[in-house]
Amino acid sequence: MGLDEIKTIDIVLNPTPHAKVTLLIVDGQPHADEEIRFNKFLKKLGGYVAYLTGPEFAKNHPGVETKDVLIGVLCAQPPNEVMKEMKEVRPSGKPDLSIRVICTQYRPGDEIPWFIRPDGVPPT
């Protein structure tokens, strides 16, 4: 798991209250250089998009469309501003497809992020 393993899907959850399939990226290592971290994140995200638009995803999740998928990013250190503002990603060459993305800080022992909670309710 982690940003260095760009060809690996870290965690698959199905279903949650917010998606038929939720794919999690685990950014669990500290990064001294934010630019390097962000570039690794973009490569990893690209790998997830390739998986979601490819035949393996269709085989593993019949009938699930990209609009029914959420990519959650769990970061050990706070996500940068671009990551925080990211709401969706569109596959290259497929402008009609949109995949939801949520980036949040999470460390073991923290409350589980709302988008993967079984009740789907944000904490108060």
Protein backbone atom coordinates (compact mmCIF):
# COMPACT_ATOMS: atom_id res chain seq x y z
CA MET A 1 0.00 0.00 0.00
CA GLY A 2 0.97 3.60 -0.40
CA LEU A 3 1.79 6.18 -3.02
CA ASP A 4 4.88 4.35 -4.25
CA GLU A 5 2.85 1.34 -5.38
CA ILE A 6 1.09 2.92 -8.34
CA LYS A 7 -0.22 -0.34 -9.79
CA THR A 8 -1.86 -1.47 -6.55
CA ILE A 9 -5.39 -0.71 -5.37
CA ASP A 10 -4.90 -0.24 -1.62
CA ILE A 11 -8.41 -0.99 -0.29
CA VAL A 12 -11.76 -1.82 -1.91
CA LEU A 13 -15.01 -1.32 0.00
CA ASN A 14 -18.43 -2.18 -1.32
CA PRO A 15 -21.00 -0.81 -0.82
CA THR A 16 -20.99 2.21 1.46
CA PRO A 17 -23.83 4.70 1.94
CA HIS A 18 -22.12 7.01 -0.56
CA ALA A 19 -21.00 4.63 -3.30
CA LYS A 20 -21.52 1.16 -4.69
CA VAL A 21 -17.73 0.79 -4.65
CA THR A 22 -15.24 2.89 -2.69
CA LEU A 23 -11.56 2.61 -3.54
CA LEU A 24 -9.16 3.92 -0.92
CA ILE A 25 -5.69 5.31 -1.49
CA VAL A 26 -3.61 5.16 1.68
CA ASP A 27 -1.02 7.92 1.88
CA GLY A 28 0.40 6.67 5.16
CA GLN A 29 4.03 7.79 5.01
CA PRO A 30 5.36 11.20 6.00
CA HIS A 31 6.72 13.24 3.09
CA ALA A 32 9.37 15.91 3.48
CA ASP A 33 8.85 17.25 -0.04
CA GLU A 34 5.27 18.20 -0.87
CA GLU A 35 5.90 18.39 -4.62
CA ILE A 36 7.24 14.82 -4.73
CA ARG A 37 4.30 13.65 -2.61
CA PHE A 38 1.78 15.35 -4.90
CA ASN A 39 3.38 13.88 -8.05
CA LYS A 40 3.25 10.39 -6.48
CA PHE A 41 -0.39 11.00 -5.57
CA LEU A 42 -1.25 11.99 -9.15
CA LYS A 43 0.42 8.84 -10.52
CA LYS A 44 -1.42 6.66 -8.00
CA LEU A 45 -4.72 8.38 -8.80
CA GLY A 46 -4.04 7.78 -12.49
CA GLY A 47 -3.60 4.08 -11.76
CA TYR A 48 -6.98 4.01 -10.01
CA VAL A 49 -8.63 5.75 -12.96
CA ALA A 50 -7.05 3.24 -15.37
CA TYR A 51 -8.39 0.38 -13.25
CA LEU A 52 -11.87 1.91 -13.05
CA THR A 53 -12.10 2.37 -16.81
CA GLY A 54 -10.60 -1.00 -17.68
CA PRO A 55 -11.90 -4.53 -18.13
CA GLU A 56 -10.75 -5.85 -14.72
CA PHE A 57 -13.02 -3.45 -12.83
CA ALA A 58 -15.98 -4.31 -15.07
CA LYS A 59 -15.34 -8.01 -14.47
CA ASN A 60 -14.96 -7.62 -10.68
CA HIS A 61 -17.91 -5.23 -10.29
CA PRO A 62 -20.53 -6.01 -12.95
CA GLY A 63 -23.09 -3.28 -13.45
CA VAL A 64 -21.15 -0.66 -11.45
CA GLU A 65 -20.50 2.52 -13.40
CA THR A 66 -17.83 5.11 -12.65
CA LYS A 67 -20.56 7.49 -11.41
CA ASP A 68 -21.25 4.92 -8.66
CA VAL A 69 -17.61 4.90 -7.47
CA LEU A 70 -15.82 7.05 -4.92
CA ILE A 71 -12.05 7.31 -4.55
CA GLY A 72 -11.18 8.20 -0.98
CA VAL A 73 -7.67 9.31 -0.08
CA LEU A 74 -6.58 8.80 3.53
CA CYS A 75 -3.52 10.93 4.29
CA ALA A 76 -1.29 10.61 7.37
CA GLN A 77 -0.32 14.25 7.00
CA PRO A 78 -2.79 16.92 5.89
CA PRO A 79 -3.67 16.90 2.20
CA ASN A 80 -2.37 19.93 0.30
CA GLU A 81 -4.79 22.61 -0.92
CA VAL A 82 -5.23 21.07 -4.38
CA MET A 83 -6.00 17.67 -2.84
CA LYS A 84 -8.51 19.24 -0.42
CA GLU A 85 -10.32 21.02 -3.26
CA MET A 86 -10.38 18.00 -5.57
CA LYS A 87 -13.94 16.74 -5.97
CA GLU A 88 -13.69 14.64 -9.11
CA VAL A 89 -11.34 13.33 -11.75
CA ARG A 90 -12.12 12.81 -15.43
CA PRO A 91 -10.33 10.10 -17.39
CA SER A 92 -8.25 11.33 -20.31
CA GLY A 93 -10.13 10.95 -23.57
CA LYS A 94 -13.43 10.28 -21.75
CA PRO A 95 -14.79 13.71 -20.82
CA ASP A 96 -18.27 12.28 -20.20
CA LEU A 97 -16.98 10.19 -17.25
CA SER A 98 -16.53 11.65 -13.79
CA ILE A 99 -15.19 9.86 -10.73
CA ARG A 100 -15.71 11.40 -7.29
CA VAL A 101 -12.62 11.98 -5.14
CA ILE A 102 -12.34 12.93 -1.46
CA CYS A 103 -9.02 13.57 0.31
CA THR A 104 -8.82 13.75 4.09
CA GLN A 105 -6.32 13.38 6.87
CA TYR A 106 -6.65 10.13 8.80
CA ARG A 107 -4.38 8.50 11.33
CA PRO A 108 -4.99 5.22 13.17
CA GLY A 109 -7.16 5.96 16.18
CA ASP A 110 -8.93 8.89 14.49
CA GLU A 111 -12.67 8.75 13.91
CA ILE A 112 -13.43 6.94 10.66
CA PRO A 113 -14.03 9.40 7.80
CA TRP A 114 -17.72 9.98 7.08
CA PHE A 115 -17.55 8.68 3.52
CA ILE A 116 -16.62 5.17 4.70
CA ARG A 117 -18.65 5.07 7.92
CA PRO A 118 -21.35 2.37 7.82
CA ASP A 119 -24.00 4.97 8.68
CA GLY A 120 -22.54 7.54 6.25
CA VAL A 121 -23.14 10.35 8.73
CA PRO A 122 -20.51 13.04 9.21
CA PRO A 123 -19.37 13.52 12.81
CA THR A 124 -21.00 16.40 14.70
